[in-house]
Amino acid sequence: MLTLPIQEGQNPDVSGQAAELAATAKQMLLTYGPRVVAALVILVVGWFVAKTVTGLVRRGMARASLDKTLSRFLSNLTFMLLMTFVVLAAISKLGVETASFIAVLGAAGFSVGFALQGSLSNFAAGVMILIFRPFRSGDFIEAGGTTGEVAEVGIFSTVLLTPDNKRVLVSNAAITSGNITNFSAMETRRVDMRFGIGYGDDLRHAKQVLESLMAADPRVLKEPSCTIAVGELGESSVNLVCRPWVKSPDYWAVFFDTQEKVKLAFDEAGISIPYPQRDVHLHQVA
């Protein structure tokens, strides 16, 4: 058998190891190279598909006139979910078992959801508010135990500005769990006022004074007509109700102005506004 002569200074063991490593590397390249290339293709194609689908979702929500905050959040959530499936598909293509990854993600999701259950309830309530729109920015509402103008509707909380200019953050769960009163939802509102006059005063004249004041105020709407009537025969006064209809932005201005005008008009007409009083009769016992 012929044997190749070993050159001077060459170690036969090193040469064998180098050849073995080269053969191993070649085998791994042939085995895993196509898988790596396929995984990279899945990642690149999946990224483009995820971006395309996200764009379609965003445009669809824009056509549906959904809130921009909700649209942006749902678009990002859609992209992240799609990319999660793409990454899992790429890892699976490399030959890695993905069942363990899915189990870890599920356990992590359960733990995070349990820890953030309060925040998740606020998030769910925020989504409901943004979808069904019981109120919008700029509306004056009463909700969650707070009354004020809606400054911002967020995913987790709603910002209200109170009439005395306080900024209040109300959790969305607190808003949806109770009644929501939207004072700005309708174009017109009825101003409910009550004025008391003495039993000795001229009732018809008092009603005429109120009717003249309402007719002279341009902010009071002609239709529906203003209601002026006797609402109650009280202990100390005859209580008249005055219920004009106004545009919603004029509500408080008409309310406060009318209080002053009625007092001045009743004083000029000699009509009294009695305060609570009680007659006491003393009987002398022999």
C-alpha atoms as a PDB file:
ATOM      1  CA  MET A   1       0.000   0.000   0.000  1.00  0.00           C
ATOM      2  CA  LEU A   2       1.286   3.402  -0.951  1.00  0.00           C
ATOM      3  CA  THR A   3       1.540   6.077   1.748  1.00  0.00           C
ATOM      4  CA  LEU A   4       2.076   9.737   1.146  1.00  0.00           C
ATOM      5  CA  PRO A   5       5.167  11.038   2.745  1.00  0.00           C
ATOM      6  CA  ILE A   6       4.601  13.429   5.657  1.00  0.00           C
ATOM      7  CA  GLN A   7       6.267  16.729   5.118  1.00  0.00           C
ATOM      8  CA  GLU A   8       8.699  17.915   7.666  1.00  0.00           C
ATOM      9  CA  GLY A   9       7.034  19.776  10.547  1.00  0.00           C
ATOM     10  CA  GLN A  10       3.498  18.563   9.731  1.00  0.00           C
ATOM     11  CA  ASN A  11       1.476  16.902  12.511  1.00  0.00           C
ATOM     12  CA  PRO A  12      -0.757  14.152  11.141  1.00  0.00           C
ATOM     13  CA  ASP A  13      -3.311  14.564  14.009  1.00  0.00           C
ATOM     14  CA  VAL A  14      -3.840  18.265  13.284  1.00  0.00           C
ATOM     15  CA  SER A  15      -4.390  17.621   9.605  1.00  0.00           C
ATOM     16  CA  GLY A  16      -6.997  14.992  10.413  1.00  0.00           C
ATOM     17  CA  GLN A  17      -8.850  17.274  12.800  1.00  0.00           C
ATOM     18  CA  ALA A  18      -8.886  20.099  10.237  1.00  0.00           C
ATOM     19  CA  ALA A  19     -10.324  17.792   7.615  1.00  0.00           C
ATOM     20  CA  GLU A  20     -12.930  16.536  10.071  1.00  0.00           C
ATOM     21  CA  LEU A  21     -13.956  20.086  11.020  1.00  0.00           C
ATOM     22  CA  ALA A  22     -14.203  21.043   7.374  1.00  0.00           C
ATOM     23  CA  ALA A  23     -16.387  18.029   6.663  1.00  0.00           C
ATOM     24  CA  THR A  24     -18.598  18.826   9.672  1.00  0.00           C
ATOM     25  CA  ALA A  25     -18.950  22.462   8.649  1.00  0.00           C
ATOM     26  CA  LYS A  26     -19.861  21.432   5.129  1.00  0.00           C
ATOM     27  CA  GLN A  27     -22.437  18.995   6.425  1.00  0.00           C
ATOM     28  CA  MET A  28     -23.974  21.642   8.751  1.00  0.00           C
ATOM     29  CA  LEU A  29     -24.023  24.154   5.917  1.00  0.00           C
ATOM     30  CA  LEU A  30     -25.800  21.717   3.665  1.00  0.00           C
ATOM     31  CA  THR A  31     -28.225  20.780   6.449  1.00  0.00           C
ATOM     32  CA  TYR A  32     -29.006  24.149   8.073  1.00  0.00           C
ATOM     33  CA  GLY A  33     -28.128  26.573   5.302  1.00  0.00           C
ATOM     34  CA  PRO A  34     -31.401  26.155   3.407  1.00  0.00           C
ATOM     35  CA  ARG A  35     -33.303  26.378   6.710  1.00  0.00           C
ATOM     36  CA  VAL A  36     -31.596  29.650   7.647  1.00  0.00           C
ATOM     37  CA  VAL A  37     -32.263  31.085   4.205  1.00  0.00           C
ATOM     38  CA  ALA A  38     -35.907  29.986   4.404  1.00  0.00           C
ATOM     39  CA  ALA A  39     -36.250  31.507   7.892  1.00  0.00           C
ATOM     40  CA  LEU A  40     -34.835  34.816   6.653  1.00  0.00           C
ATOM     41  CA  VAL A  41     -37.228  34.761   3.686  1.00  0.00           C
ATOM     42  CA  ILE A  42     -40.140  34.128   6.075  1.00  0.00           C
ATOM     43  CA  LEU A  43     -39.069  37.062   8.247  1.00  0.00           C
ATOM     44  CA  VAL A  44     -38.699  39.479   5.332  1.00  0.00           C
ATOM     45  CA  VAL A  45     -41.877  38.422   3.515  1.00  0.00           C
ATOM     46  CA  GLY A  46     -43.796  38.249   6.789  1.00  0.00           C
ATOM     47  CA  TRP A  47     -42.694  41.761   7.706  1.00  0.00           C
ATOM     48  CA  PHE A  48     -43.945  43.141   4.378  1.00  0.00           C
ATOM     49  CA  VAL A  49     -47.227  41.225   4.715  1.00  0.00           C
ATOM     50  CA  ALA A  50     -47.700  42.479   8.290  1.00  0.00           C
ATOM     51  CA  LYS A  51     -47.090  46.077   7.223  1.00  0.00           C
ATOM     52  CA  THR A  52     -49.521  45.708   4.322  1.00  0.00           C
ATOM     53  CA  VAL A  53     -52.266  44.187   6.476  1.00  0.00           C
ATOM     54  CA  THR A  54     -51.718  46.834   9.167  1.00  0.00           C
ATOM     55  CA  GLY A  55     -52.069  49.576   6.549  1.00  0.00           C
ATOM     56  CA  LEU A  56     -55.315  48.059   5.304  1.00  0.00           C
ATOM     57  CA  VAL A  57     -56.647  47.853   8.863  1.00  0.00           C
ATOM     58  CA  ARG A  58     -55.680  51.480   9.532  1.00  0.00           C
ATOM     59  CA  ARG A  59     -57.371  52.713   6.351  1.00  0.00           C
ATOM     60  CA  GLY A  60     -60.461  50.640   7.102  1.00  0.00           C
ATOM     61  CA  MET A  61     -60.785  52.157  10.573  1.00  0.00           C
ATOM     62  CA  ALA A  62     -60.244  55.628   9.102  1.00  0.00           C
ATOM     63  CA  ARG A  63     -63.143  55.056   6.679  1.00  0.00           C
ATOM     64  CA  ALA A  64     -65.232  53.878   9.631  1.00  0.00           C
ATOM     65  CA  SER A  65     -64.425  57.207  11.368  1.00  0.00           C
ATOM     66  CA  LEU A  66     -62.989  55.513  14.446  1.00  0.00           C
ATOM     67  CA  ASP A  67     -61.097  57.591  16.966  1.00  0.00           C
ATOM     68  CA  LYS A  68     -57.459  58.194  15.984  1.00  0.00           C
ATOM     69  CA  THR A  69     -56.203  56.962  19.356  1.00  0.00           C
ATOM     70  CA  LEU A  70     -58.080  53.684  19.026  1.00  0.00           C
ATOM     71  CA  SER A  71     -57.112  53.338  15.363  1.00  0.00           C
ATOM     72  CA  ARG A  72     -53.422  53.796  16.119  1.00  0.00           C
ATOM     73  CA  PHE A  73     -53.512  51.376  19.054  1.00  0.00           C
ATOM     74  CA  LEU A  74     -55.363  48.634  17.149  1.00  0.00           C
ATOM     75  CA  SER A  75     -53.050  49.050  14.155  1.00  0.00           C
ATOM     76  CA  ASN A  76     -49.956  48.594  16.324  1.00  0.00           C
ATOM     77  CA  LEU A  77     -51.563  45.644  18.089  1.00  0.00           C
ATOM     78  CA  THR A  78     -52.359  44.010  14.729  1.00  0.00           C
ATOM     79  CA  PHE A  79     -48.758  44.463  13.556  1.00  0.00           C
ATOM     80  CA  MET A  80     -47.323  42.979  16.757  1.00  0.00           C
ATOM     81  CA  LEU A  81     -49.618  39.951  16.636  1.00  0.00           C
ATOM     82  CA  LEU A  82     -48.784  39.256  12.987  1.00  0.00           C
ATOM     83  CA  MET A  83     -45.053  39.606  13.628  1.00  0.00           C
ATOM     84  CA  THR A  84     -45.327  37.199  16.561  1.00  0.00           C
ATOM     85  CA  PHE A  85     -46.705  34.527  14.227  1.00  0.00           C
ATOM     86  CA  VAL A  86     -44.011  35.346  11.643  1.00  0.00           C
ATOM     87  CA  VAL A  87     -41.193  34.953  14.191  1.00  0.00           C
ATOM     88  CA  LEU A  88     -42.652  31.673  15.448  1.00  0.00           C
ATOM     89  CA  ALA A  89     -42.888  30.401  11.864  1.00  0.00           C
ATOM     90  CA  ALA A  90     -39.247  31.362  11.210  1.00  0.00           C
ATOM     91  CA  ILE A  91     -38.073  29.646  14.395  1.00  0.00           C
ATOM     92  CA  SER A  92     -40.061  26.535  13.487  1.00  0.00           C
ATOM     93  CA  LYS A  93     -38.422  26.515  10.046  1.00  0.00           C
ATOM     94  CA  LEU A  94     -35.021  26.305  11.734  1.00  0.00           C
ATOM     95  CA  GLY A  95     -36.123  23.059  13.342  1.00  0.00           C
ATOM     96  CA  VAL A  96     -36.630  24.485  16.814  1.00  0.00           C
ATOM     97  CA  GLU A  97     -39.631  23.147  18.725  1.00  0.00           C
ATOM     98  CA  THR A  98     -42.048  26.086  19.162  1.00  0.00           C
ATOM     99  CA  ALA A  99     -44.423  24.418  21.592  1.00  0.00           C
ATOM    100  CA  SER A 100     -42.241  25.494  24.509  1.00  0.00           C
ATOM    101  CA  PHE A 101     -42.172  29.090  23.243  1.00  0.00           C
ATOM    102  CA  ILE A 102     -45.948  29.153  22.955  1.00  0.00           C
ATOM    103  CA  ALA A 103     -46.297  27.706  26.454  1.00  0.00           C
ATOM    104  CA  VAL A 104     -43.952  30.355  27.882  1.00  0.00           C
ATOM    105  CA  LEU A 105     -45.781  33.149  26.064  1.00  0.00           C
ATOM    106  CA  GLY A 106     -49.106  31.846  27.326  1.00  0.00           C
ATOM    107  CA  ALA A 107     -47.885  31.640  30.909  1.00  0.00           C
ATOM    108  CA  ALA A 108     -46.348  35.112  30.686  1.00  0.00           C
ATOM    109  CA  GLY A 109     -49.548  36.514  29.188  1.00  0.00           C
ATOM    110  CA  PHE A 110     -51.638  34.978  31.963  1.00  0.00           C
ATOM    111  CA  SER A 111     -49.342  36.359  34.668  1.00  0.00           C
ATOM    112  CA  VAL A 112     -49.283  39.837  33.177  1.00  0.00           C
ATOM    113  CA  GLY A 113     -53.049  39.805  32.645  1.00  0.00           C
ATOM    114  CA  PHE A 114     -53.673  38.762  36.259  1.00  0.00           C
ATOM    115  CA  ALA A 115     -51.314  41.442  37.585  1.00  0.00           C
ATOM    116  CA  LEU A 116     -52.828  44.151  35.389  1.00  0.00           C
ATOM    117  CA  GLN A 117     -56.483  43.143  35.588  1.00  0.00           C
ATOM    118  CA  GLY A 118     -57.458  46.639  36.782  1.00  0.00           C
ATOM    119  CA  SER A 119     -55.629  48.277  33.894  1.00  0.00           C
ATOM    120  CA  LEU A 120     -57.109  45.787  31.453  1.00  0.00           C
ATOM    121  CA  SER A 121     -60.615  46.626  32.642  1.00  0.00           C
ATOM    122  CA  ASN A 122     -59.854  50.308  32.075  1.00  0.00           C
ATOM    123  CA  PHE A 123     -58.492  49.454  28.634  1.00  0.00           C
ATOM    124  CA  ALA A 124     -61.611  47.464  27.718  1.00  0.00           C
ATOM    125  CA  ALA A 125     -63.802  50.322  28.948  1.00  0.00           C
ATOM    126  CA  GLY A 126     -61.732  52.797  26.922  1.00  0.00           C
ATOM    127  CA  VAL A 127     -62.202  50.742  23.776  1.00  0.00           C
ATOM    128  CA  MET A 128     -65.968  50.676  24.379  1.00  0.00           C
ATOM    129  CA  ILE A 129     -66.043  54.453  24.881  1.00  0.00           C
ATOM    130  CA  LEU A 130     -64.048  55.095  21.702  1.00  0.00           C
ATOM    131  CA  ILE A 131     -66.238  52.729  19.669  1.00  0.00           C
ATOM    132  CA  PHE A 132     -69.718  53.715  20.899  1.00  0.00           C
ATOM    133  CA  ARG A 133     -68.885  57.393  21.551  1.00  0.00           C
ATOM    134  CA  PRO A 134     -71.244  58.301  24.418  1.00  0.00           C
ATOM    135  CA  PHE A 135     -69.335  61.586  24.501  1.00  0.00           C
ATOM    136  CA  ARG A 136     -66.621  63.419  22.568  1.00  0.00           C
ATOM    137  CA  SER A 137     -63.896  65.917  23.346  1.00  0.00           C
ATOM    138  CA  GLY A 138     -65.491  69.243  24.242  1.00  0.00           C
ATOM    139  CA  ASP A 139     -68.722  67.747  25.625  1.00  0.00           C
ATOM    140  CA  PHE A 140     -69.857  68.671  29.130  1.00  0.00           C
ATOM    141  CA  ILE A 141     -70.663  65.458  30.999  1.00  0.00           C
ATOM    142  CA  GLU A 142     -71.270  63.964  34.402  1.00  0.00           C
ATOM    143  CA  ALA A 143     -69.642  60.551  34.804  1.00  0.00           C
ATOM    144  CA  GLY A 144     -67.597  58.622  37.334  1.00  0.00           C
ATOM    145  CA  GLY A 145     -68.642  61.000  40.108  1.00  0.00           C
ATOM    146  CA  THR A 146     -67.164  64.029  38.287  1.00  0.00           C
ATOM    147  CA  THR A 147     -68.748  66.817  36.247  1.00  0.00           C
ATOM    148  CA  GLY A 148     -66.737  68.687  33.653  1.00  0.00           C
ATOM    149  CA  GLU A 149     -65.778  69.248  30.035  1.00  0.00           C
ATOM    150  CA  VAL A 150     -64.106  66.357  28.241  1.00  0.00           C
ATOM    151  CA  ALA A 151     -60.538  67.421  27.443  1.00  0.00           C
ATOM    152  CA  GLU A 152     -59.173  64.085  26.258  1.00  0.00           C
ATOM    153  CA  VAL A 153     -60.438  60.530  25.804  1.00  0.00           C
ATOM    154  CA  GLY A 154     -57.626  58.025  26.342  1.00  0.00           C
ATOM    155  CA  ILE A 155     -57.294  54.255  26.302  1.00  0.00           C
ATOM    156  CA  PHE A 156     -57.127  53.932  30.089  1.00  0.00           C
ATOM    157  CA  SER A 157     -58.616  57.190  31.421  1.00  0.00           C
ATOM    158  CA  THR A 158     -60.590  60.271  30.414  1.00  0.00           C
ATOM    159  CA  VAL A 159     -59.484  63.797  31.309  1.00  0.00           C
ATOM    160  CA  LEU A 160     -62.212  66.189  32.496  1.00  0.00           C
ATOM    161  CA  LEU A 161     -61.907  69.919  33.137  1.00  0.00           C
ATOM    162  CA  THR A 162     -64.225  70.987  35.957  1.00  0.00           C
ATOM    163  CA  PRO A 163     -66.060  74.355  35.864  1.00  0.00           C
ATOM    164  CA  ASP A 164     -63.470  75.752  38.313  1.00  0.00           C
ATOM    165  CA  ASN A 165     -60.667  74.638  35.918  1.00  0.00           C
ATOM    166  CA  LYS A 166     -59.458  71.532  37.721  1.00  0.00           C
ATOM    167  CA  ARG A 167     -57.976  68.738  35.632  1.00  0.00           C
ATOM    168  CA  VAL A 168     -59.417  65.398  36.741  1.00  0.00           C
ATOM    169  CA  LEU A 169     -58.370  61.988  35.397  1.00  0.00           C
ATOM    170  CA  VAL A 170     -61.292  59.566  35.623  1.00  0.00           C
ATOM    171  CA  SER A 171     -60.678  55.872  34.970  1.00  0.00           C
ATOM    172  CA  ASN A 172     -62.669  54.559  32.045  1.00  0.00           C
ATOM    173  CA  ALA A 173     -63.931  51.612  34.091  1.00  0.00           C
ATOM    174  CA  ALA A 174     -65.468  54.045  36.593  1.00  0.00           C
ATOM    175  CA  ILE A 175     -67.178  55.895  33.728  1.00  0.00           C
ATOM    176  CA  THR A 176     -68.709  52.855  32.021  1.00  0.00           C
ATOM    177  CA  SER A 177     -69.748  51.214  35.298  1.00  0.00           C
ATOM    178  CA  GLY A 178     -72.230  53.999  36.074  1.00  0.00           C
ATOM    179  CA  ASN A 179     -74.574  56.437  34.408  1.00  0.00           C
ATOM    180  CA  ILE A 180     -73.196  58.928  31.887  1.00  0.00           C
ATOM    181  CA  THR A 181     -75.001  62.261  31.565  1.00  0.00           C
ATOM    182  CA  ASN A 182     -73.996  64.190  28.446  1.00  0.00           C
ATOM    183  CA  PHE A 183     -75.233  67.763  28.716  1.00  0.00           C
ATOM    184  CA  SER A 184     -73.865  68.645  25.269  1.00  0.00           C
ATOM    185  CA  ALA A 185     -75.341  65.762  23.298  1.00  0.00           C
ATOM    186  CA  MET A 186     -78.469  67.671  22.285  1.00  0.00           C
ATOM    187  CA  GLU A 187     -78.572  71.061  20.586  1.00  0.00           C
ATOM    188  CA  THR A 188     -81.162  72.477  22.990  1.00  0.00           C
ATOM    189  CA  ARG A 189     -81.808  72.225  26.729  1.00  0.00           C
ATOM    190  CA  ARG A 190     -84.593  73.246  29.055  1.00  0.00           C
ATOM    191  CA  VAL A 191     -83.726  75.626  31.884  1.00  0.00           C
ATOM    192  CA  ASP A 192     -85.743  74.691  34.981  1.00  0.00           C
ATOM    193  CA  MET A 193     -86.284  77.601  37.398  1.00  0.00           C
ATOM    194  CA  ARG A 194     -88.648  78.186  40.299  1.00  0.00           C
ATOM    195  CA  PHE A 195     -89.723  81.526  41.770  1.00  0.00           C
ATOM    196  CA  GLY A 196     -91.835  82.003  44.886  1.00  0.00           C
ATOM    197  CA  ILE A 197     -94.296  84.865  45.396  1.00  0.00           C
ATOM    198  CA  GLY A 198     -96.426  85.774  48.384  1.00  0.00           C
ATOM    199  CA  TYR A 199     -99.965  84.523  48.782  1.00  0.00           C
ATOM    200  CA  GLY A 200    -101.167  88.140  48.819  1.00  0.00           C
ATOM    201  CA  ASP A 201     -99.482  89.029  45.499  1.00  0.00           C
ATOM    202  CA  ASP A 202    -101.221  89.170  42.135  1.00  0.00           C
ATOM    203  CA  LEU A 203    -100.574  85.758  40.592  1.00  0.00           C
ATOM    204  CA  ARG A 204    -101.601  86.716  37.052  1.00  0.00           C
ATOM    205  CA  HIS A 205     -99.397  89.794  37.105  1.00  0.00           C
ATOM    206  CA  ALA A 206     -96.408  87.740  38.282  1.00  0.00           C
ATOM    207  CA  LYS A 207     -96.891  85.328  35.391  1.00  0.00           C
ATOM    208  CA  GLN A 208     -97.107  88.252  32.953  1.00  0.00           C
ATOM    209  CA  VAL A 209     -93.810  89.619  34.276  1.00  0.00           C
ATOM    210  CA  LEU A 210     -92.116  86.258  33.695  1.00  0.00           C
ATOM    211  CA  GLU A 211     -93.624  85.961  30.222  1.00  0.00           C
ATOM    212  CA  SER A 212     -92.370  89.452  29.289  1.00  0.00           C
ATOM    213  CA  LEU A 213     -88.847  88.647  30.500  1.00  0.00           C
ATOM    214  CA  MET A 214     -88.720  85.407  28.513  1.00  0.00           C
ATOM    215  CA  ALA A 215     -90.092  87.058  25.368  1.00  0.00           C
ATOM    216  CA  ALA A 216     -87.495  89.837  25.588  1.00  0.00           C
ATOM    217  CA  ASP A 217     -84.526  87.467  25.879  1.00  0.00           C
ATOM    218  CA  PRO A 218     -83.266  86.602  22.357  1.00  0.00           C
ATOM    219  CA  ARG A 219     -81.543  83.481  23.668  1.00  0.00           C
ATOM    220  CA  VAL A 220     -84.868  81.917  24.644  1.00  0.00           C
ATOM    221  CA  LEU A 221     -86.236  79.792  21.812  1.00  0.00           C
ATOM    222  CA  LYS A 222     -89.748  80.297  20.497  1.00  0.00           C
ATOM    223  CA  GLU A 223     -90.165  76.566  19.933  1.00  0.00           C
ATOM    224  CA  PRO A 224     -90.581  74.657  22.127  1.00  0.00           C
ATOM    225  CA  SER A 225     -92.491  77.344  23.965  1.00  0.00           C
ATOM    226  CA  CYS A 226     -91.609  78.427  27.479  1.00  0.00           C
ATOM    227  CA  THR A 227     -93.720  76.920  30.269  1.00  0.00           C
ATOM    228  CA  ILE A 228     -94.790  79.277  33.064  1.00  0.00           C
ATOM    229  CA  ALA A 229     -97.218  77.798  35.573  1.00  0.00           C
ATOM    230  CA  VAL A 230     -97.990  77.318  39.250  1.00  0.00           C
ATOM    231  CA  GLY A 231     -95.813  74.430  40.360  1.00  0.00           C
ATOM    232  CA  GLU A 232     -96.663  74.264  44.050  1.00  0.00           C
ATOM    233  CA  LEU A 233     -98.642  75.918  46.795  1.00  0.00           C
ATOM    234  CA  GLY A 234     -95.914  75.944  49.413  1.00  0.00           C
ATOM    235  CA  GLU A 235     -96.016  76.608  53.113  1.00  0.00           C
ATOM    236  CA  SER A 236     -94.827  80.199  52.735  1.00  0.00           C
ATOM    237  CA  SER A 237     -95.174  80.993  49.032  1.00  0.00           C
ATOM    238  CA  VAL A 238     -96.863  80.260  45.741  1.00  0.00           C
ATOM    239  CA  ASN A 239     -94.094  78.680  43.675  1.00  0.00           C
ATOM    240  CA  LEU A 240     -94.073  79.406  39.954  1.00  0.00           C
ATOM    241  CA  VAL A 241     -92.081  77.249  37.524  1.00  0.00           C
ATOM    242  CA  CYS A 242     -90.395  78.903  34.545  1.00  0.00           C
ATOM    243  CA  ARG A 243     -88.999  76.518  31.925  1.00  0.00           C
ATOM    244  CA  PRO A 244     -87.605  78.177  28.787  1.00  0.00           C
ATOM    245  CA  TRP A 245     -85.750  76.265  26.071  1.00  0.00           C
ATOM    246  CA  VAL A 246     -82.337  77.501  24.968  1.00  0.00           C
ATOM    247  CA  LYS A 247     -79.370  76.325  22.940  1.00  0.00           C
ATOM    248  CA  SER A 248     -77.072  74.168  25.040  1.00  0.00           C
ATOM    249  CA  PRO A 249     -74.167  76.664  25.139  1.00  0.00           C
ATOM    250  CA  ASP A 250     -76.553  79.371  26.493  1.00  0.00           C
ATOM    251  CA  TYR A 251     -77.855  77.290  29.403  1.00  0.00           C
ATOM    252  CA  TRP A 252     -75.929  78.778  32.323  1.00  0.00           C
ATOM    253  CA  ALA A 253     -75.915  82.325  30.966  1.00  0.00           C
ATOM    254  CA  VAL A 254     -79.718  82.319  30.702  1.00  0.00           C
ATOM    255  CA  PHE A 255     -80.068  80.679  34.120  1.00  0.00           C
ATOM    256  CA  PHE A 256     -77.973  83.245  35.979  1.00  0.00           C
ATOM    257  CA  ASP A 257     -79.251  86.273  34.040  1.00  0.00           C
ATOM    258  CA  THR A 258     -82.885  85.299  34.597  1.00  0.00           C
ATOM    259  CA  GLN A 259     -82.403  85.019  38.369  1.00  0.00           C
ATOM    260  CA  GLU A 260     -81.257  88.638  38.534  1.00  0.00           C
ATOM    261  CA  LYS A 261     -83.826  89.952  36.061  1.00  0.00           C
ATOM    262  CA  VAL A 262     -86.741  88.327  37.908  1.00  0.00           C
ATOM    263  CA  LYS A 263     -85.667  89.784  41.253  1.00  0.00           C
ATOM    264  CA  LEU A 264     -85.404  93.297  39.799  1.00  0.00           C
ATOM    265  CA  ALA A 265     -88.658  92.983  37.843  1.00  0.00           C
ATOM    266  CA  PHE A 266     -90.594  91.669  40.866  1.00  0.00           C
ATOM    267  CA  ASP A 267     -89.257  94.549  42.984  1.00  0.00           C
ATOM    268  CA  GLU A 268     -90.421  97.099  40.409  1.00  0.00           C
ATOM    269  CA  ALA A 269     -93.832  95.438  40.145  1.00  0.00           C
ATOM    270  CA  GLY A 270     -94.255  95.281  43.924  1.00  0.00           C
ATOM    271  CA  ILE A 271     -94.288  91.480  43.944  1.00  0.00           C
ATOM    272  CA  SER A 272     -92.725  89.971  47.046  1.00  0.00           C
ATOM    273  CA  ILE A 273     -90.412  86.976  47.170  1.00  0.00           C
ATOM    274  CA  PRO A 274     -91.170  85.643  50.657  1.00  0.00           C
ATOM    275  CA  TYR A 275     -88.713  83.806  52.851  1.00  0.00           C
ATOM    276  CA  PRO A 276     -89.807  80.809  54.906  1.00  0.00           C
ATOM    277  CA  GLN A 277     -91.892  81.936  57.839  1.00  0.00           C
ATOM    278  CA  ARG A 278     -94.312  80.514  60.348  1.00  0.00           C
ATOM    279  CA  ASP A 279     -97.138  82.146  62.276  1.00  0.00           C
ATOM    280  CA  VAL A 280     -97.170  81.296  65.982  1.00  0.00           C
ATOM    281  CA  HIS A 281    -100.368  81.856  67.993  1.00  0.00           C
ATOM    282  CA  LEU A 282    -100.082  82.014  71.747  1.00  0.00           C
ATOM    283  CA  HIS A 283    -103.087  81.148  73.910  1.00  0.00           C
ATOM    284  CA  GLN A 284    -103.130  82.223  77.513  1.00  0.00           C
ATOM    285  CA  VAL A 285    -104.291  79.478  79.778  1.00  0.00           C
ATOM    286  CA  ALA A 286    -106.145  80.634  82.907  1.00  0.00           C
END
